[in-house]
Protein backbone atom coordinates (compact mmCIF):
# COMPACT_ATOMS: atom_id res chain seq x y z
CA MET A 1 -17.75 -13.88 -30.95
CA THR A 2 -13.96 -14.05 -30.98
CA SER A 3 -12.55 -11.35 -29.06
CA THR A 4 -9.38 -9.32 -30.05
CA LYS A 5 -8.42 -8.36 -26.45
CA PRO A 6 -5.05 -10.14 -25.00
CA ALA A 7 -5.79 -13.28 -22.78
CA GLY A 8 -4.40 -11.55 -19.68
CA GLN A 9 -6.32 -8.63 -20.27
CA GLN A 10 -9.60 -10.45 -20.64
CA ALA A 11 -8.74 -12.52 -17.36
CA SER A 12 -8.45 -9.45 -15.65
CA ARG A 13 -11.69 -7.98 -16.70
CA GLN A 14 -13.34 -11.33 -15.54
CA ALA A 15 -11.67 -10.76 -12.01
CA ALA A 16 -12.62 -6.89 -11.98
CA LYS A 17 -16.38 -8.24 -12.78
CA ALA A 18 -16.34 -10.99 -10.13
CA ALA A 19 -19.41 -10.78 -7.76
CA LEU A 20 -18.46 -9.95 -4.15
CA PRO A 21 -20.50 -7.88 -1.52
CA PRO A 22 -20.47 -4.44 -1.49
CA ARG A 23 -17.68 -3.00 0.53
CA LYS A 24 -18.18 0.52 2.45
CA HIS A 25 -14.60 1.13 3.84
CA VAL A 26 -11.01 0.39 3.21
CA LEU A 27 -9.47 0.25 6.74
CA ASP A 28 -6.81 -2.51 6.24
CA LEU A 29 -6.28 -5.60 4.65
CA ASP A 30 -7.30 -8.15 7.48
CA ASP A 31 -10.98 -8.23 6.26
CA PHE A 32 -10.12 -8.75 2.72
CA SER A 33 -10.42 -12.36 1.26
CA PRO A 34 -7.93 -13.40 -1.28
CA GLU A 35 -10.71 -13.20 -4.07
CA GLU A 36 -11.33 -9.68 -3.10
CA ILE A 37 -7.57 -8.91 -3.42
CA SER A 38 -7.46 -10.65 -6.77
CA GLN A 39 -10.45 -8.42 -7.73
CA ILE A 40 -8.76 -5.01 -6.94
CA LEU A 41 -5.76 -6.14 -8.77
CA GLY A 42 -7.67 -7.48 -11.72
CA THR A 43 -9.69 -3.86 -11.85
CA ALA A 44 -6.14 -2.45 -11.45
CA ASP A 45 -5.24 -4.02 -14.64
CA VAL A 46 -8.04 -2.91 -16.37
CA LEU A 47 -7.96 0.81 -15.31
CA SER A 48 -4.21 0.98 -16.10
CA GLU A 49 -4.99 0.74 -19.63
CA VAL A 50 -7.40 3.88 -19.30
CA LEU A 51 -4.08 6.00 -17.76
CA SER A 52 -2.25 5.15 -21.18
CA ARG A 53 -5.01 6.89 -23.29
CA PRO A 54 -4.45 10.26 -24.81
CA ILE A 55 -7.38 11.50 -22.56
CA SER A 56 -6.86 9.43 -19.30
CA LYS A 57 -10.23 9.83 -18.20
CA VAL A 58 -13.44 7.69 -17.48
CA PRO A 59 -16.75 8.73 -16.21
CA THR A 60 -17.27 6.25 -13.62
CA LEU A 61 -17.38 8.62 -10.35
CA ARG A 62 -19.09 11.60 -12.38
CA GLY A 63 -20.88 13.10 -9.84
CA LYS A 64 -19.27 11.71 -6.91
CA THR A 65 -17.32 14.02 -4.47
CA VAL A 66 -13.80 12.62 -3.21
CA LEU A 67 -12.14 14.36 -0.27
CA THR A 68 -8.62 13.70 0.88
CA PHE A 69 -8.10 14.68 4.33
CA PHE A 70 -4.19 14.53 5.53
CA LEU A 71 -3.33 15.52 8.85
CA GLU A 72 0.44 13.95 8.21
CA PRO A 73 2.55 15.08 5.36
CA SER A 74 2.43 12.90 2.10
CA THR A 75 3.57 13.16 -1.42
CA ARG A 76 3.00 9.81 -3.08
CA THR A 77 -0.22 8.76 -1.52
CA ARG A 78 -2.05 12.10 -1.75
CA ALA A 79 -1.29 12.73 -4.88
CA SER A 80 -1.75 9.55 -6.16
CA PHE A 81 -5.42 9.05 -4.86
CA GLU A 82 -5.92 12.53 -6.41
CA ARG A 83 -4.83 11.48 -9.69
CA ALA A 84 -6.77 8.24 -9.44
CA ALA A 85 -10.34 9.97 -8.40
CA LYS A 86 -9.91 12.78 -11.35
CA ALA A 87 -9.14 9.76 -13.65
CA LEU A 88 -12.55 8.53 -12.81
CA SER A 89 -14.14 12.03 -13.45
CA ALA A 90 -14.72 12.73 -9.53
CA ASP A 91 -14.86 15.91 -7.94
CA THR A 92 -12.04 16.43 -5.52
CA ILE A 93 -11.53 18.43 -2.15
CA ASN A 94 -8.03 18.21 -0.72
CA LEU A 95 -7.91 19.26 3.23
CA SER A 96 -4.60 19.29 5.29
CA GLY A 97 -4.51 19.60 8.99
CA THR A 98 -2.91 23.24 8.89
CA GLU A 99 -6.01 24.20 6.34
CA SER A 100 -9.11 22.72 8.18
CA SER A 101 -10.71 23.86 11.32
CA ALA A 102 -8.85 20.87 13.23
CA LYS A 103 -6.10 23.81 13.70
CA LYS A 104 -8.92 25.74 15.39
CA GLY A 105 -9.96 22.77 17.81
CA GLU A 106 -12.78 21.20 15.86
CA SER A 107 -13.09 17.52 16.48
CA LEU A 108 -12.28 14.98 13.66
CA ILE A 109 -15.73 13.82 13.58
CA ASP A 110 -17.23 17.39 13.24
CA THR A 111 -14.97 17.82 10.36
CA ALA A 112 -15.82 14.96 8.48
CA ARG A 113 -19.51 15.44 9.35
CA THR A 114 -19.15 19.04 8.03
CA MET A 115 -17.53 17.59 4.70
CA GLN A 116 -20.33 14.93 4.40
CA ALA A 117 -23.12 17.67 4.72
CA MET A 118 -21.46 19.66 1.75
CA GLY A 119 -21.84 16.21 -0.31
CA ALA A 120 -18.58 14.32 -0.03
CA ASP A 121 -19.11 10.66 -0.93
CA ILE A 122 -15.53 9.10 0.00
CA ILE A 123 -12.98 10.61 2.56
CA ILE A 124 -9.06 9.63 2.30
CA MET A 125 -7.69 10.04 5.15
CA ARG A 126 -4.27 9.69 6.79
CA HIS A 127 -3.48 10.59 10.74
CA SER A 128 -0.63 10.23 13.13
CA MET A 129 -3.22 8.15 15.63
CA SER A 130 -3.72 4.47 14.95
CA GLY A 131 -7.31 3.87 14.73
CA ALA A 132 -8.46 7.26 13.31
CA PRO A 133 -9.88 6.35 10.33
CA TYR A 134 -12.01 3.63 12.16
CA LEU A 135 -13.58 6.39 14.22
CA LEU A 136 -14.87 8.37 11.11
CA ALA A 137 -16.17 4.84 9.75
CA GLN A 138 -18.34 4.43 13.12
CA HIS A 139 -19.61 8.08 13.18
CA THR A 140 -20.24 9.41 9.48
CA ASN A 141 -21.94 7.70 6.78
CA LEU A 142 -18.86 8.49 4.29
CA SER A 143 -17.10 5.63 2.70
CA VAL A 144 -13.57 5.89 4.58
CA ILE A 145 -10.10 4.93 2.90
CA ASN A 146 -7.30 4.69 5.47
CA ALA A 147 -4.36 6.39 3.73
CA GLY A 148 -1.94 5.62 6.75
CA ASP A 149 -3.09 5.61 10.42
CA GLY A 150 -0.04 5.82 13.02
CA TRP A 151 2.04 2.65 12.84
CA HIS A 152 -1.11 0.60 12.05
CA ALA A 153 -1.97 0.17 8.58
CA HIS A 154 -1.38 1.51 4.83
CA PRO A 155 -3.68 -0.79 3.04
CA SER A 156 -3.74 1.08 -0.51
CA GLN A 157 0.34 0.87 -0.48
CA ALA A 158 0.02 -2.78 0.54
CA LEU A 159 -2.17 -3.20 -2.62
CA LEU A 160 0.03 -1.43 -4.96
CA ASP A 161 2.97 -3.59 -3.79
CA LEU A 162 1.03 -6.69 -4.46
CA TYR A 163 0.20 -5.48 -7.72
CA THR A 164 3.79 -4.55 -8.57
CA ILE A 165 5.09 -7.96 -7.45
CA ARG A 166 2.26 -9.88 -9.51
CA GLU A 167 2.90 -7.83 -12.22
CA LYS A 168 6.68 -8.64 -12.34
CA PHE A 169 6.59 -12.19 -11.49
CA LYS A 170 3.11 -13.23 -13.03
CA LYS A 171 2.13 -14.70 -9.36
CA ILE A 172 2.32 -13.85 -5.90
CA ALA A 173 1.91 -17.24 -4.20
CA GLY A 174 5.10 -19.40 -3.47
CA LEU A 175 7.11 -16.08 -3.66
CA LYS A 176 9.62 -15.37 -0.70
CA VAL A 177 9.48 -11.93 0.46
CA VAL A 178 11.89 -10.38 2.81
CA ILE A 179 10.68 -7.29 4.64
CA VAL A 180 13.70 -5.46 6.17
CA GLY A 181 14.01 -2.69 8.72
CA ASP A 182 11.87 -0.84 11.15
CA VAL A 183 8.76 -3.37 11.21
CA LEU A 184 7.77 -2.05 14.90
CA HIS A 185 6.75 1.39 13.43
CA SER A 186 5.87 0.56 9.83
CA ARG A 187 2.32 0.59 8.97
CA VAL A 188 3.27 -0.38 5.20
CA ALA A 189 4.91 -3.63 6.76
CA ARG A 190 1.65 -4.75 8.84
CA SER A 191 -0.69 -4.38 6.01
CA ASN A 192 1.63 -6.01 3.53
CA ILE A 193 2.35 -8.88 5.97
CA TRP A 194 -1.60 -9.56 5.67
CA GLY A 195 -1.93 -9.03 1.94
CA LEU A 196 1.22 -11.29 1.09
CA ARG A 197 0.23 -14.25 3.45
CA LYS A 198 -3.32 -14.03 2.20
CA MET A 199 -2.12 -14.43 -1.48
CA GLY A 200 0.24 -17.40 -0.70
CA ALA A 201 3.65 -15.73 -0.43
CA ASP A 202 6.11 -16.42 2.54
CA VAL A 203 7.21 -13.49 4.47
CA VAL A 204 10.24 -13.17 6.31
CA LEU A 205 11.00 -10.14 8.46
CA SER A 206 14.72 -9.08 9.13
CA SER A 207 15.24 -6.43 11.62
CA PRO A 208 17.15 -5.39 14.87
CA PRO A 209 15.35 -7.09 17.98
CA THR A 210 14.35 -4.02 19.33
CA LEU A 211 12.20 -3.13 16.31
CA LEU A 212 10.50 -6.35 15.99
CA PRO A 213 9.16 -7.32 19.74
CA GLU A 214 7.25 -10.26 19.81
CA GLU A 215 4.12 -8.48 20.49
CA VAL A 216 4.23 -7.44 16.85
CA LEU A 217 4.50 -11.03 15.57
CA GLU A 218 1.66 -12.33 17.99
CA ALA A 219 -0.85 -9.80 16.11
CA TYR A 220 -0.20 -11.87 12.85
CA ALA A 221 -0.99 -15.62 14.43
CA GLY A 222 -3.22 -17.75 12.52
CA GLU A 223 -3.66 -19.67 9.54
CA LEU A 224 -3.11 -18.35 6.25
CA PRO A 225 -1.89 -19.60 3.05
CA GLY A 226 1.67 -17.93 3.18
CA ARG A 227 3.91 -18.43 6.15
CA LEU A 228 5.45 -15.80 8.45
CA MET A 229 9.03 -16.11 9.69
CA THR A 230 11.62 -13.92 11.15
CA GLU A 231 15.64 -14.04 10.66
CA PRO A 232 17.33 -11.12 12.24
CA ASN A 233 20.65 -11.51 10.12
CA LEU A 234 19.63 -10.11 6.91
CA ASP A 235 22.45 -11.91 4.92
CA ALA A 236 20.44 -15.14 5.85
CA ALA A 237 17.23 -13.82 5.37
CA VAL A 238 17.78 -12.64 1.77
CA GLU A 239 19.07 -16.08 0.62
CA GLY A 240 16.69 -17.25 -2.04
CA ALA A 241 14.48 -14.39 -1.88
CA ASP A 242 12.39 -13.39 -4.66
CA VAL A 243 11.77 -9.81 -3.31
CA VAL A 244 13.51 -7.72 -0.75
CA MET A 245 11.25 -4.94 0.57
CA ALA A 246 13.36 -2.50 2.58
CA LEU A 247 11.38 -0.02 5.00
CA ARG A 248 12.32 3.75 5.85
CA ILE A 249 14.40 3.99 8.88
CA GLN A 250 13.56 6.96 11.11
CA LYS A 251 17.05 7.90 12.02
CA GLU A 252 15.59 9.73 15.46
CA ARG A 253 14.29 6.50 16.50
CA LEU A 254 17.71 4.80 16.39
CA ALA A 255 19.35 7.56 18.05
CA ALA A 256 16.64 7.23 20.97
CA ASP A 257 16.68 3.62 21.20
CA GLY A 258 20.66 3.74 22.08
CA ALA A 259 20.95 -0.07 21.09
CA MET A 260 21.96 0.80 17.64
CA ASN A 261 23.42 3.92 15.78
CA LEU A 262 22.85 4.61 12.41
CA ARG A 263 26.55 3.20 11.18
CA ASP A 264 25.93 -0.22 12.78
CA TYR A 265 22.14 -0.46 11.30
CA ILE A 266 23.64 0.50 7.72
CA LEU A 267 26.29 -2.39 7.92
CA ALA A 268 23.64 -4.89 9.23
CA TYR A 269 20.75 -3.99 7.58
CA GLN A 270 21.22 -1.86 4.34
CA VAL A 271 20.15 -3.55 1.21
CA ASN A 272 22.81 -3.31 -1.07
CA GLU A 273 24.12 -5.05 -4.27
CA GLU A 274 26.34 -7.77 -2.47
CA ARG A 275 23.19 -8.68 -0.26
CA MET A 276 20.94 -8.86 -3.30
CA HIS A 277 23.54 -11.76 -4.91
CA ARG A 278 22.51 -13.79 -2.30
CA ALA A 279 18.66 -13.57 -3.45
CA LYS A 280 17.53 -15.35 -6.45
CA PRO A 281 18.96 -13.95 -9.85
CA THR A 282 15.43 -12.61 -10.59
CA ALA A 283 14.91 -11.21 -7.18
CA MET A 284 13.70 -7.44 -7.12
CA LEU A 285 14.03 -4.62 -4.50
CA MET A 286 11.06 -2.50 -3.34
CA HIS A 287 10.86 0.34 -1.31
CA PRO A 288 7.36 2.19 -0.21
CA GLY A 289 9.02 5.57 -0.05
CA PRO A 290 10.36 8.02 0.81
CA MET A 291 13.42 6.45 0.97
CA ASN A 292 16.86 7.61 2.76
CA GLU A 293 19.09 6.78 0.14
CA GLY A 294 22.31 5.10 1.38
CA VAL A 295 20.67 4.25 4.52
CA GLU A 296 18.25 1.55 4.34
CA VAL A 297 19.10 0.90 0.29
CA SER A 298 22.40 1.78 -1.44
CA HIS A 299 22.29 4.56 -4.15
CA VAL A 300 23.53 2.13 -7.04
CA LEU A 301 20.97 -0.63 -6.23
CA ALA A 302 18.10 2.17 -5.79
CA TYR A 303 18.28 3.04 -9.29
CA SER A 304 19.34 -0.25 -11.00
CA ASP A 305 17.53 -2.12 -12.92
CA ARG A 306 16.81 -4.55 -9.89
CA SER A 307 14.64 -2.02 -8.52
CA LEU A 308 10.96 -1.54 -8.76
CA ILE A 309 10.61 1.54 -6.63
CA GLU A 310 9.13 3.81 -9.52
CA THR A 311 7.05 1.12 -10.83
CA GLN A 312 5.66 0.92 -7.45
CA VAL A 313 4.87 4.77 -7.79
CA LYS A 314 3.30 4.52 -11.10
CA ASN A 315 1.19 1.48 -10.29
CA GLY A 316 -0.25 3.33 -7.19
CA VAL A 317 -2.80 5.44 -9.44
CA ALA A 318 -4.38 2.52 -11.06
CA VAL A 319 -4.63 0.33 -7.91
CA ARG A 320 -6.37 3.32 -6.06
CA MET A 321 -8.58 3.91 -9.07
CA ALA A 322 -9.75 0.25 -8.34
CA LEU A 323 -10.36 0.86 -4.80
CA LEU A 324 -12.52 3.93 -5.42
CA TYR A 325 -14.21 1.89 -8.06
CA ARG A 326 -14.67 -1.08 -5.67
CA LEU A 327 -16.40 1.24 -3.04
CA VAL A 328 -18.37 2.86 -5.55
CA GLY A 329 -19.63 -0.37 -6.82
CA ALA A 330 -19.98 0.78 -10.65
CA SER A 331 -21.23 -2.31 -12.58
CA GLU A 332 -19.12 -1.51 -15.55
CA VAL A 333 -15.73 0.27 -16.43
CA SER A 334 -16.04 2.39 -19.28
CA ALA A 335 -13.77 1.05 -21.95
């Protein structure tokens, strides 16, 4: 039978159906294989088509309950996961730190077990403490998705970044990706280092020395397809880059550090038009948000045709749908 579907979409459907072991949790990308990452991206390709329909909904998670439990502020991640769950027809419950009994002293585990007793299937959690989602994964029967824990990990952001890069460049392997800024405190950078290197990209970290200590680099030692390098001089780092990914700078940390003030940081590490000219002509800017315009990224560049920032937000819904689909393990996405 001759198919009328585009070749790229057919390839994505085949990738989405590839047999892989079931997955219970999404805590970071360190335990994802390149094949599993490719499958997630392929599934997101298929599901992004669903989002373009007049009625952008499929019944994949009908009868499932997805709980978002955010104990830190979030706009993009929380809304994106809720949109993703509803597009898959899941029932959703949203809890925040101020609304839950955690405010009255109830433990994290007890709150999660209460929601489990009410029938929740998947909990999507953000917490200021690194490792908190791992605690729930160990002490409940819920599937846990880490939506950001302390400085440690933010796997769904890294996957949507990988998806956006692949969508733009039609590949990830062999690209040079420069991650700029506060690597020390960035869970986005940590998960992206795993994901990009596993998919064959070379990663260059460019940061003030105080925001990139040796112990951070030691955590990523080991053989992976992509290389990990550092270059504290941003002008040198962006030479020949395909992607420049700026991280949010936390102004209060610069002030507390005392070694560099905000003006010095902007001069040395702001990604602007002049610096992007040192990268490849096809190079693109990325930023996980929220963005301090005029600090880590210049105003003009942030809204130029070299920016993928809005595309990252848009792609987040399809990628998070793919993650939910992966955990539920449905055999087929309704087309």
